[in-house]
């Protein structure tokens, strides 16, 4: 089954009847509600009546959960049809059309927290030659850090396609000043496994350092991947050109090409000549 982001851009995929079906399907509503409640739990807002940003709010299903939790919210989404469904449902939050890959149009420190349900994986898909996933992710995370209060959190639930995509997204968040990490609920289950990117926008003044929350269904094992905004570079061994010990030249080259493809760059096809040493010319 094809992933939605491989079929069409979000504003086209969630248009017309698809937008209405998304909002009225009982199974979809149940999943969206469960994910939003978990995201709010991880968000751990410090007080009631906080201001929350809902990125990729769609038809407002996640916004209803925010309202029930006693908070105010503003939602943004790229699909006008999804937002029209939200208006027809008379949600209590304000909604607006916005492409998160072009930044969030709000003043600094506007929001106490941010959630996003099943949305940020769309940023990893290049819709055309002019669309660069890496730059769009940097723009999004830079603006997100800008609009959060000091010590605010963002909890972004998403469906990464592969390990390279997870690395790309977390690296971009780290470069933009966030702390935190990737949390995986029910990591040993194929169907119940859920990924949450939990981000910290600095520390609140006088508060204790923020800690990664505990994952669900982990059987006591650590099911989070922490990262900070500090880069830890391995010492480059002489003649290895930065490759980790034990990784062959061809494997290292193939991994690098795969990362570049995930960033939307044009990369030559793999062949039996990939990473093969050239003979000297005479």
Protein backbone atom coordinates (compact mmCIF):
# COMPACT_ATOMS: atom_id res chain seq x y z
CA UNK A 1 0.00 0.00 0.00
CA UNK A 2 1.38 3.40 -1.03
CA UNK A 3 2.03 6.04 1.59
CA UNK A 4 -0.24 9.12 1.14
CA UNK A 5 2.74 11.46 0.66
CA UNK A 6 3.83 9.36 -2.34
CA UNK A 7 0.44 9.70 -4.04
CA UNK A 8 -0.07 13.47 -4.19
CA UNK A 9 0.75 16.72 -2.34
CA UNK A 10 -1.28 17.10 0.90
CA UNK A 11 -3.47 19.93 -0.40
CA UNK A 12 -4.50 17.66 -3.30
CA UNK A 13 -4.67 14.35 -1.41
CA UNK A 14 -6.91 15.78 1.35
CA UNK A 15 -9.36 17.60 -0.89
CA UNK A 16 -13.10 17.35 -1.41
CA UNK A 17 -14.58 13.98 -0.47
CA UNK A 18 -11.32 12.72 1.06
CA UNK A 19 -11.38 15.57 3.59
CA UNK A 20 -14.99 14.82 4.57
CA UNK A 21 -14.28 11.08 4.81
CA UNK A 22 -11.27 11.72 7.05
CA UNK A 23 -13.42 13.71 9.49
CA UNK A 24 -16.41 11.35 9.58
CA UNK A 25 -14.69 7.95 9.62
CA UNK A 26 -15.17 6.55 13.14
CA UNK A 27 -11.96 4.52 13.04
CA UNK A 28 -9.95 7.55 11.94
CA UNK A 29 -11.49 9.70 14.67
CA UNK A 30 -10.61 7.10 17.30
CA UNK A 31 -6.97 6.88 16.16
CA UNK A 32 -6.62 10.67 15.95
CA UNK A 33 -8.09 11.12 19.43
CA UNK A 34 -5.81 8.49 20.98
CA UNK A 35 -2.69 9.99 19.38
CA UNK A 36 -3.63 13.53 20.43
CA UNK A 37 -4.27 12.52 24.04
CA UNK A 38 -0.87 10.82 24.16
CA UNK A 39 0.79 13.89 22.60
CA UNK A 40 -0.81 16.17 25.23
CA UNK A 41 0.41 13.82 27.96
CA UNK A 42 3.97 14.06 26.61
CA UNK A 43 3.61 17.84 26.20
CA UNK A 44 3.13 18.17 29.98
CA UNK A 45 1.88 21.76 29.90
CA UNK A 46 2.77 23.54 33.18
CA UNK A 47 -0.60 25.18 33.72
CA UNK A 48 -4.22 25.23 32.54
CA UNK A 49 -5.50 27.45 29.74
CA UNK A 50 -2.17 27.32 27.90
CA UNK A 51 -1.85 28.42 24.28
CA UNK A 52 -1.12 25.44 21.99
CA UNK A 53 -0.16 25.38 18.32
CA UNK A 54 -1.58 22.48 16.28
CA UNK A 55 0.54 22.00 13.14
CA UNK A 56 -1.32 20.08 10.45
CA UNK A 57 -4.60 20.41 12.36
CA UNK A 58 -6.67 19.14 9.42
CA UNK A 59 -10.38 18.88 10.23
CA UNK A 60 -9.86 19.88 13.87
CA UNK A 61 -10.09 16.43 15.49
CA UNK A 62 -6.91 17.02 17.48
CA UNK A 63 -8.09 20.51 18.34
CA UNK A 64 -11.21 19.08 20.00
CA UNK A 65 -8.95 17.11 22.37
CA UNK A 66 -6.97 20.27 23.19
CA UNK A 67 -10.21 22.10 24.02
CA UNK A 68 -11.40 19.24 26.23
CA UNK A 69 -8.07 19.39 28.08
CA UNK A 70 -8.82 23.02 29.00
CA UNK A 71 -6.41 24.81 26.66
CA UNK A 72 -6.69 27.34 23.85
CA UNK A 73 -5.30 26.53 20.42
CA UNK A 74 -4.56 27.78 16.95
CA UNK A 75 -4.30 25.33 14.07
CA UNK A 76 -2.67 25.56 10.68
CA UNK A 77 -2.90 23.24 7.68
CA UNK A 78 -2.04 23.37 3.99
CA UNK A 79 -5.39 21.90 2.85
CA UNK A 80 -8.22 24.46 2.54
CA UNK A 81 -10.78 21.66 2.24
CA UNK A 82 -9.71 20.12 5.56
CA UNK A 83 -9.93 23.52 7.24
CA UNK A 84 -13.39 24.06 5.76
CA UNK A 85 -14.50 20.82 7.43
CA UNK A 86 -13.10 22.17 10.71
CA UNK A 87 -15.12 25.38 10.29
CA UNK A 88 -18.27 23.39 9.47
CA UNK A 89 -17.73 21.42 12.68
CA UNK A 90 -17.51 24.77 14.55
CA UNK A 91 -14.28 23.96 16.38
CA UNK A 92 -13.37 26.40 19.16
CA UNK A 93 -9.83 27.09 17.98
CA UNK A 94 -8.77 29.44 15.19
CA UNK A 95 -7.55 27.82 11.96
CA UNK A 96 -5.55 29.16 9.04
CA UNK A 97 -4.04 27.98 5.76
CA UNK A 98 -0.27 27.63 6.06
CA UNK A 99 2.52 25.56 4.52
CA UNK A 100 4.69 24.57 7.48
CA UNK A 101 7.64 24.07 5.13
CA UNK A 102 7.65 27.83 4.53
CA UNK A 103 7.68 28.70 8.23
CA UNK A 104 5.11 29.54 10.90
CA UNK A 105 3.78 33.14 10.70
CA UNK A 106 3.52 33.96 14.42
CA UNK A 107 5.26 36.33 16.82
CA UNK A 108 8.08 35.12 19.08
CA UNK A 109 7.08 33.18 22.22
CA UNK A 110 3.40 33.01 21.23
CA UNK A 111 2.80 29.39 22.24
CA UNK A 112 3.40 27.41 25.43
CA UNK A 113 3.51 24.17 23.47
CA UNK A 114 2.97 22.59 20.06
CA UNK A 115 1.58 19.29 18.87
CA UNK A 116 1.41 17.75 15.42
CA UNK A 117 -0.34 14.51 14.51
CA UNK A 118 0.68 12.58 11.38
CA UNK A 119 1.94 15.63 9.52
CA UNK A 120 5.71 16.25 9.48
CA UNK A 121 6.47 13.23 7.26
CA UNK A 122 5.02 15.30 4.41
CA UNK A 123 8.03 17.64 4.68
CA UNK A 124 10.38 14.78 3.77
CA UNK A 125 8.81 14.33 0.34
CA UNK A 126 10.07 16.44 -2.59
CA UNK A 127 7.11 17.45 -4.76
CA UNK A 128 9.31 18.90 -7.52
CA UNK A 129 12.82 19.95 -8.47
CA UNK A 130 12.41 23.22 -6.57
CA UNK A 131 11.30 21.48 -3.36
CA UNK A 132 14.17 20.63 -1.01
CA UNK A 133 13.11 18.55 2.05
CA UNK A 134 16.23 19.50 4.03
CA UNK A 135 15.64 23.24 3.60
CA UNK A 136 11.92 22.93 4.31
CA UNK A 137 12.64 21.03 7.52
CA UNK A 138 15.18 23.65 8.62
CA UNK A 139 12.70 26.45 7.89
CA UNK A 140 9.97 24.68 9.85
CA UNK A 141 12.06 23.88 12.93
CA UNK A 142 13.67 27.34 12.99
CA UNK A 143 10.26 29.04 12.99
CA UNK A 144 8.88 26.53 15.52
CA UNK A 145 11.71 27.32 17.95
CA UNK A 146 10.99 31.01 17.36
CA UNK A 147 7.27 30.85 18.27
CA UNK A 148 7.62 28.69 21.42
CA UNK A 149 8.14 30.23 24.84
CA UNK A 150 11.41 29.55 26.62
CA UNK A 151 11.22 26.02 27.99
CA UNK A 152 8.24 25.18 25.80
CA UNK A 153 7.80 21.72 24.32
CA UNK A 154 6.76 20.38 20.95
CA UNK A 155 5.47 16.84 20.51
CA UNK A 156 5.32 15.76 16.88
CA UNK A 157 3.78 12.37 16.13
CA UNK A 158 4.75 11.05 12.71
CA UNK A 159 5.33 7.98 10.55
CA UNK A 160 8.98 7.85 9.43
CA UNK A 161 9.54 5.85 6.27
CA UNK A 162 13.04 4.61 7.14
CA UNK A 163 16.03 5.18 9.40
CA UNK A 164 17.49 7.79 7.04
CA UNK A 165 14.32 9.87 7.33
CA UNK A 166 14.45 9.68 11.13
CA UNK A 167 18.06 10.85 11.07
CA UNK A 168 17.26 13.70 8.68
CA UNK A 169 14.38 15.06 10.79
CA UNK A 170 16.11 14.78 14.17
CA UNK A 171 19.33 16.30 12.80
CA UNK A 172 17.42 19.31 11.42
CA UNK A 173 15.68 19.82 14.78
CA UNK A 174 19.02 19.65 16.58
CA UNK A 175 20.62 22.20 14.24
CA UNK A 176 17.81 24.65 15.02
CA UNK A 177 18.55 24.64 18.76
CA UNK A 178 16.15 22.02 20.10
CA UNK A 179 16.94 19.43 22.74
CA UNK A 180 14.97 16.27 23.36
CA UNK A 181 14.77 13.09 21.34
CA UNK A 182 12.73 10.44 19.56
CA UNK A 183 10.33 8.42 21.71
CA UNK A 184 8.85 5.12 20.49
CA UNK A 185 5.72 3.70 22.12
CA UNK A 186 5.27 -0.09 21.93
CA UNK A 187 8.58 -0.59 20.07
CA UNK A 188 8.16 -4.37 19.84
CA UNK A 189 4.74 -4.22 18.17
CA UNK A 190 4.36 -3.89 14.42
CA UNK A 191 0.88 -2.34 14.49
CA UNK A 192 0.87 -0.44 17.79
CA UNK A 193 4.31 1.16 17.39
CA UNK A 194 4.12 4.96 17.36
CA UNK A 195 6.88 7.55 16.93
CA UNK A 196 6.90 10.88 18.80
CA UNK A 197 9.56 13.55 18.36
CA UNK A 198 9.69 15.30 21.75
CA UNK A 199 11.49 18.66 21.52
CA UNK A 200 12.56 21.13 24.23
CA UNK A 201 13.00 24.82 23.40
CA UNK A 202 15.55 25.55 26.12
CA UNK A 203 14.93 25.57 29.88
CA UNK A 204 12.41 27.53 31.92
CA UNK A 205 14.05 29.99 34.28
CA UNK A 206 14.46 28.47 37.72
CA UNK A 207 13.08 25.09 36.62
CA UNK A 208 14.80 21.71 36.72
CA UNK A 209 16.38 20.42 33.49
CA UNK A 210 13.83 18.82 31.21
CA UNK A 211 13.95 15.03 30.93
CA UNK A 212 12.68 12.73 28.20
CA UNK A 213 9.35 11.14 29.22
CA UNK A 214 8.98 7.37 29.49
CA UNK A 215 7.81 5.34 26.50
CA UNK A 216 4.84 2.99 26.74
CA UNK A 217 5.13 -0.78 26.31
CA UNK A 218 8.92 -0.84 26.53
CA UNK A 219 9.21 -3.61 29.18
CA UNK A 220 11.58 -1.46 31.22
CA UNK A 221 14.03 -0.95 28.35
CA UNK A 222 15.10 2.45 27.09
CA UNK A 223 13.00 3.27 24.03
CA UNK A 224 14.08 6.84 23.45
CA UNK A 225 16.85 8.31 21.36
CA UNK A 226 18.24 11.45 22.99
CA UNK A 227 20.03 14.23 21.18
CA UNK A 228 21.35 17.65 22.11
CA UNK A 229 22.41 20.68 20.14
CA UNK A 230 26.07 19.71 20.54
CA UNK A 231 27.86 17.80 17.84
CA UNK A 232 30.00 14.85 18.84
CA UNK A 233 32.39 14.00 16.06
CA UNK A 234 34.35 10.77 16.02
CA UNK A 235 38.08 11.07 15.61
CA UNK A 236 38.98 10.53 12.00
CA UNK A 237 41.43 7.71 11.59
CA UNK A 238 44.23 8.26 9.16
CA UNK A 239 43.24 7.04 5.70
CA UNK A 240 39.59 6.37 6.68
CA UNK A 241 38.20 9.80 5.65
CA UNK A 242 35.77 9.95 8.58
CA UNK A 243 34.33 6.44 8.21
CA UNK A 244 33.57 4.55 11.40
CA UNK A 245 35.81 1.62 12.12
CA UNK A 246 34.49 -1.63 10.64
CA UNK A 247 32.48 0.00 7.83
CA UNK A 248 33.72 -0.75 4.33
CA UNK A 249 34.22 1.92 1.71
CA UNK A 250 31.37 0.71 -0.51
CA UNK A 251 28.89 0.47 2.39
CA UNK A 252 29.85 3.94 3.59
CA UNK A 253 29.37 5.36 0.06
CA UNK A 254 25.96 3.67 -0.36
CA UNK A 255 24.79 5.01 3.02
CA UNK A 256 25.91 8.51 2.10
CA UNK A 257 24.07 8.37 -1.24
CA UNK A 258 20.92 7.15 0.53
CA UNK A 259 21.06 10.11 2.94
CA UNK A 260 21.44 12.52 0.04
CA UNK A 261 18.42 10.98 -1.72
CA UNK A 262 16.38 11.47 1.47
CA UNK A 263 17.37 15.16 1.35
CA UNK A 264 16.02 15.44 -2.19
CA UNK A 265 19.42 15.74 -3.86
CA UNK A 266 20.19 14.33 -7.32
CA UNK A 267 22.40 11.28 -6.85
CA UNK A 268 23.80 8.90 -9.54
CA UNK A 269 22.32 5.40 -9.63
CA UNK A 270 24.11 2.59 -7.78
CA UNK A 271 26.03 0.09 -9.89
CA UNK A 272 28.78 -2.51 -9.61
CA UNK A 273 31.28 0.34 -10.12
CA UNK A 274 30.07 2.31 -7.10
CA UNK A 275 32.97 3.15 -4.74
CA UNK A 276 35.38 1.15 -6.93
CA UNK A 277 38.87 2.60 -7.07
CA UNK A 278 39.85 3.99 -10.45
CA UNK A 279 42.96 2.81 -12.15
CA UNK A 280 45.68 5.40 -12.74
CA UNK A 281 45.96 6.94 -16.20
CA UNK A 282 49.06 6.46 -18.30
